[in-house]
Amino acid sequence: MGQLDGKTALVTGGTSGIGLATAQRLAAEGAHVVITGRRQEALDAAVASIGEAATGVRSDVSKIEELDAVVDAIRARGNGLDVVFANAGGGEFAALADITVEHFTSTFTTNVGGTLFTVQKVLPLLNKGASVILAGSTAASNGTPSFSVYAATKAAIRSFGRTWAAELASSGIRVNTVVPGPVETPGLVGLAPGSEQELLDGEAAKVPLGRVGRPEELAAAVLFLASDQSSFMTGAELFVDGGAEQV
């Protein structure tokens, strides 16, 4: 028996990296996983990698009107929703002097607005005992130059986690934040101005364990927060960062 047998899970941004690894792990533990993504081709490939335990819905979390299709797909299954991993998001480097209104608006709309309105939209579908997991970042805890807008969005996510945990506790819904350190994903290597390996080596040098993380390691942490193994946790931050923010 899997830890999530008979459960329904939603993973936004589930077509690559941490999102895809998590969707695959939740499905392996018995959940039916609804995956969202912006690109149909990538979405189809993600669903194919899981099989019948996955449903793909093309949706951009920065466009609130597109979230209705996600709600419709979950409602059509008739089992409510037990796990939400609000994972979709991203960011780009921009020094303070170079931040534009477009950069600020796009990053906040996707990371903060996308998380807020995803959780709000699915709230009526959440079953008692449901687990909501938000995607944080160690960037919210440190001072990475030229990453201030992204870091600020993740600080907002951390605040959401605490506030929503308090707000939803009486409904039996838990809200926690998983906080990845550097993980080898398309999102991370896409930030490299030059050599991808040079970026990964540089990130690994900052980590006490001496390496970057793997998406599967984050997926295991999300599974923990999604399952009854974390039944007495809410409002918490779970750092999966190789000790980068701890040591």
Protein backbone atom coordinates (compact mmCIF):
# COMPACT_ATOMS: atom_id res chain seq x y z
CA MET A 1 0.00 0.00 0.00
CA GLY A 2 1.17 3.51 -0.80
CA GLN A 3 1.11 6.41 1.62
CA LEU A 4 -1.43 8.25 -0.55
CA ASP A 5 -3.69 5.44 -1.76
CA GLY A 6 -7.02 6.81 -2.94
CA LYS A 7 -5.93 10.44 -2.59
CA THR A 8 -6.12 13.18 -5.21
CA ALA A 9 -3.20 15.60 -5.55
CA LEU A 10 -2.57 18.78 -7.52
CA VAL A 11 0.93 19.76 -8.63
CA THR A 12 1.25 23.08 -10.42
CA GLY A 13 4.25 23.51 -12.66
CA GLY A 14 4.50 19.74 -12.83
CA THR A 15 6.13 19.28 -16.22
CA SER A 16 9.81 19.40 -15.22
CA GLY A 17 12.24 19.59 -12.34
CA ILE A 18 10.92 19.41 -8.80
CA GLY A 19 7.29 19.52 -9.93
CA LEU A 20 7.61 16.54 -12.26
CA ALA A 21 9.64 14.49 -9.78
CA THR A 22 7.01 15.21 -7.12
CA ALA A 23 4.10 14.30 -9.37
CA GLN A 24 5.79 11.02 -10.20
CA ARG A 25 6.48 10.26 -6.52
CA LEU A 26 2.96 11.09 -5.35
CA ALA A 27 1.53 8.87 -8.07
CA ALA A 28 3.90 6.06 -7.09
CA GLU A 29 2.48 6.33 -3.57
CA GLY A 30 -1.06 5.79 -4.81
CA ALA A 31 -2.38 9.29 -5.54
CA HIS A 32 -4.11 10.41 -8.71
CA VAL A 33 -2.15 13.52 -9.66
CA VAL A 34 -3.50 16.50 -11.58
CA ILE A 35 -0.55 18.25 -13.23
CA THR A 36 -0.56 21.75 -14.66
CA GLY A 37 1.85 23.37 -17.08
CA ARG A 38 1.94 26.11 -19.69
CA ARG A 39 3.23 24.05 -22.64
CA GLN A 40 1.00 21.28 -23.97
CA GLU A 41 3.87 19.20 -25.34
CA ALA A 42 5.69 19.16 -22.01
CA LEU A 43 2.42 18.49 -20.20
CA ASP A 44 1.65 15.50 -22.42
CA ALA A 45 5.14 14.09 -21.83
CA ALA A 46 4.79 14.48 -18.06
CA VAL A 47 1.44 12.69 -18.04
CA ALA A 48 2.84 9.92 -20.26
CA SER A 49 5.69 9.38 -17.79
CA ILE A 50 3.14 8.61 -15.07
CA GLY A 51 0.32 6.96 -16.96
CA GLU A 52 -3.28 6.53 -15.88
CA ALA A 53 -2.58 7.97 -12.44
CA ALA A 54 -2.13 11.45 -13.93
CA THR A 55 -4.36 14.07 -15.52
CA GLY A 56 -2.83 17.02 -17.35
CA VAL A 57 -4.43 20.45 -17.49
CA ARG A 58 -2.82 23.21 -19.53
CA SER A 59 -2.86 26.24 -17.27
CA ASP A 60 -0.68 29.27 -16.56
CA VAL A 61 -0.98 30.17 -12.86
CA SER A 62 -0.31 33.82 -13.67
CA LYS A 63 -3.63 33.91 -15.57
CA ILE A 64 -6.40 33.53 -13.02
CA GLU A 65 -9.03 32.67 -15.60
CA GLU A 66 -7.05 29.58 -16.63
CA LEU A 67 -7.29 28.13 -13.11
CA ASP A 68 -10.97 27.36 -13.67
CA ALA A 69 -10.01 24.45 -15.94
CA VAL A 70 -7.93 23.01 -13.10
CA VAL A 71 -10.86 23.21 -10.70
CA ASP A 72 -13.15 21.62 -13.28
CA ALA A 73 -10.77 18.68 -13.80
CA ILE A 74 -10.53 18.01 -10.07
CA ARG A 75 -14.26 18.37 -9.52
CA ALA A 76 -14.97 15.98 -12.40
CA ARG A 77 -13.19 13.18 -10.54
CA GLY A 78 -15.68 13.55 -7.69
CA ASN A 79 -13.24 12.81 -4.86
CA GLY A 80 -12.28 16.29 -3.74
CA LEU A 81 -8.65 17.22 -3.23
CA ASP A 82 -6.26 15.93 -0.58
CA VAL A 83 -2.86 17.38 -1.53
CA VAL A 84 -1.86 20.66 -3.14
CA PHE A 85 1.74 21.37 -4.12
CA ALA A 86 1.75 25.00 -5.31
CA ASN A 87 5.03 24.69 -7.12
CA ALA A 88 4.72 26.80 -10.28
CA GLY A 89 6.96 29.85 -10.37
CA GLY A 90 10.35 31.16 -11.30
CA GLY A 91 12.56 34.20 -11.47
CA GLU A 92 15.42 35.96 -13.19
CA PHE A 93 18.40 37.96 -12.02
CA ALA A 94 18.10 41.74 -12.10
CA ALA A 95 20.26 44.21 -10.17
CA LEU A 96 18.40 46.88 -8.21
CA ALA A 97 19.25 49.57 -10.76
CA ASP A 98 17.95 47.38 -13.59
CA ILE A 99 14.61 46.19 -12.18
CA THR A 100 11.76 47.14 -14.47
CA VAL A 101 8.04 47.33 -13.82
CA GLU A 102 7.60 44.39 -16.18
CA HIS A 103 10.13 42.26 -14.27
CA PHE A 104 8.55 43.10 -10.92
CA THR A 105 4.98 42.59 -12.10
CA SER A 106 5.66 39.35 -13.94
CA THR A 107 7.54 37.76 -11.05
CA PHE A 108 5.01 38.74 -8.40
CA THR A 109 2.02 37.83 -10.58
CA THR A 110 3.39 34.35 -11.22
CA ASN A 111 4.95 33.47 -7.87
CA VAL A 112 2.74 35.29 -5.39
CA GLY A 113 -0.50 35.75 -7.33
CA GLY A 114 -0.27 32.29 -8.86
CA THR A 115 0.14 30.65 -5.47
CA LEU A 116 -2.56 32.73 -3.82
CA PHE A 117 -5.22 32.22 -6.44
CA THR A 118 -4.41 28.54 -7.01
CA VAL A 119 -5.01 27.79 -3.33
CA GLN A 120 -8.04 30.07 -3.21
CA LYS A 121 -9.63 28.44 -6.26
CA VAL A 122 -9.24 24.89 -4.96
CA LEU A 123 -10.15 25.72 -1.36
CA PRO A 124 -13.78 24.54 -1.72
CA LEU A 125 -12.51 21.18 -3.01
CA LEU A 126 -10.14 20.45 -0.12
CA ASN A 127 -11.12 17.45 1.98
CA LYS A 128 -10.80 17.48 5.76
CA GLY A 129 -7.22 16.62 6.61
CA ALA A 130 -5.88 17.95 3.32
CA SER A 131 -2.29 19.10 3.07
CA VAL A 132 -1.23 22.26 1.23
CA ILE A 133 2.47 22.56 0.45
CA LEU A 134 3.92 25.83 -0.78
CA ALA A 135 7.20 26.16 -2.69
CA GLY A 136 9.58 28.44 -0.84
CA SER A 137 13.23 29.18 -1.45
CA THR A 138 16.40 29.77 0.54
CA ALA A 139 16.58 33.05 -1.40
CA ALA A 140 14.02 34.39 1.09
CA SER A 141 16.51 33.82 3.93
CA ASN A 142 19.73 35.12 2.43
CA GLY A 143 20.89 38.08 0.39
CA THR A 144 21.66 36.92 -3.11
CA PRO A 145 22.74 39.92 -5.20
CA SER A 146 20.49 40.77 -8.17
CA PHE A 147 17.80 38.36 -6.98
CA SER A 148 15.80 40.70 -4.79
CA VAL A 149 12.45 40.51 -6.58
CA TYR A 150 12.41 36.72 -6.66
CA ALA A 151 13.52 36.60 -3.01
CA ALA A 152 10.74 38.98 -2.03
CA THR A 153 8.14 36.75 -3.69
CA LYS A 154 9.40 33.78 -1.71
CA ALA A 155 9.29 35.80 1.51
CA ALA A 156 5.63 36.44 0.69
CA ILE A 157 5.11 32.70 0.21
CA ARG A 158 6.59 32.06 3.65
CA SER A 159 4.11 34.56 5.11
CA PHE A 160 1.24 32.88 3.27
CA GLY A 161 2.25 29.56 4.82
CA ARG A 162 2.04 30.87 8.36
CA THR A 163 -1.14 32.86 7.89
CA TRP A 164 -3.04 30.18 5.99
CA ALA A 165 -1.96 27.53 8.50
CA ALA A 166 -3.63 29.57 11.25
CA GLU A 167 -6.66 30.37 9.11
CA LEU A 168 -7.36 26.81 7.96
CA ALA A 169 -6.45 24.88 11.10
CA SER A 170 -10.06 24.72 12.27
CA SER A 171 -10.96 23.04 8.97
CA GLY A 172 -8.37 20.33 9.55
CA ILE A 173 -6.22 21.57 6.67
CA ARG A 174 -2.46 21.79 7.15
CA VAL A 175 -0.24 24.29 5.31
CA ASN A 176 3.53 23.96 5.21
CA THR A 177 6.35 25.35 3.08
CA VAL A 178 9.11 23.25 1.55
CA VAL A 179 12.31 25.23 1.07
CA PRO A 180 14.73 23.91 -1.55
CA GLY A 181 18.35 24.90 -1.68
CA PRO A 182 20.11 24.69 -5.05
CA VAL A 183 18.64 21.77 -6.99
CA GLU A 184 19.72 20.68 -10.46
CA THR A 185 16.65 21.61 -12.48
CA PRO A 186 16.01 23.39 -15.78
CA GLY A 187 15.00 26.43 -13.73
CA LEU A 188 18.37 26.63 -11.99
CA VAL A 189 20.63 25.90 -14.95
CA GLY A 190 18.57 28.33 -17.02
CA LEU A 191 19.95 31.12 -14.83
CA ALA A 192 23.50 30.40 -15.92
CA PRO A 193 24.95 33.33 -17.92
CA GLY A 194 27.68 31.04 -19.23
CA SER A 195 28.61 27.46 -18.38
CA GLU A 196 25.85 25.48 -16.68
CA GLN A 197 28.43 23.26 -14.98
CA GLU A 198 30.24 26.30 -13.64
CA LEU A 199 26.99 27.50 -12.09
CA LEU A 200 26.28 24.10 -10.52
CA ASP A 201 29.83 23.84 -9.16
CA GLY A 202 29.55 27.33 -7.71
CA GLU A 203 26.27 26.50 -6.00
CA ALA A 204 27.64 23.20 -4.68
CA ALA A 205 30.57 25.05 -3.09
CA LYS A 206 28.09 26.94 -0.88
CA VAL A 207 26.45 23.77 0.43
CA PRO A 208 27.90 21.96 3.48
CA LEU A 209 27.09 18.57 1.88
CA GLY A 210 29.21 19.65 -1.09
CA ARG A 211 26.69 19.16 -3.88
CA VAL A 212 23.44 20.46 -5.29
CA GLY A 213 20.23 18.60 -4.62
CA ARG A 214 18.28 16.27 -6.86
CA PRO A 215 14.60 16.80 -7.72
CA GLU A 216 13.82 13.37 -6.25
CA GLU A 217 15.09 14.54 -2.86
CA LEU A 218 12.64 17.44 -2.88
CA ALA A 219 9.87 15.10 -3.98
CA ALA A 220 10.51 12.92 -0.94
CA ALA A 221 10.17 15.97 1.32
CA VAL A 222 6.90 17.00 -0.34
CA LEU A 223 5.60 13.45 0.10
CA PHE A 224 6.42 13.67 3.81
CA LEU A 225 4.44 16.89 4.14
CA ALA A 226 1.59 15.46 2.05
CA SER A 227 1.25 12.28 4.07
CA ASP A 228 0.15 11.41 7.58
CA GLN A 229 3.82 11.15 8.52
CA SER A 230 3.69 14.93 9.11
CA SER A 231 0.23 15.01 10.71
CA PHE A 232 1.35 17.27 13.59
CA MET A 233 3.05 19.83 11.35
CA THR A 234 1.50 23.04 10.08
CA GLY A 235 2.85 26.52 9.46
CA ALA A 236 6.35 25.07 9.27
CA GLU A 237 9.26 25.50 6.89
CA LEU A 238 11.01 22.30 5.87
CA PHE A 239 14.48 23.14 4.54
CA VAL A 240 15.90 20.69 2.00
CA ASP A 241 19.10 22.54 1.27
CA GLY A 242 22.06 20.38 2.19
CA GLY A 243 22.57 22.55 5.25
CA ALA A 244 23.12 25.75 3.30
CA GLU A 245 20.93 27.87 5.56
CA GLN A 246 21.53 25.86 8.70
CA VAL A 247 25.27 25.47 9.13
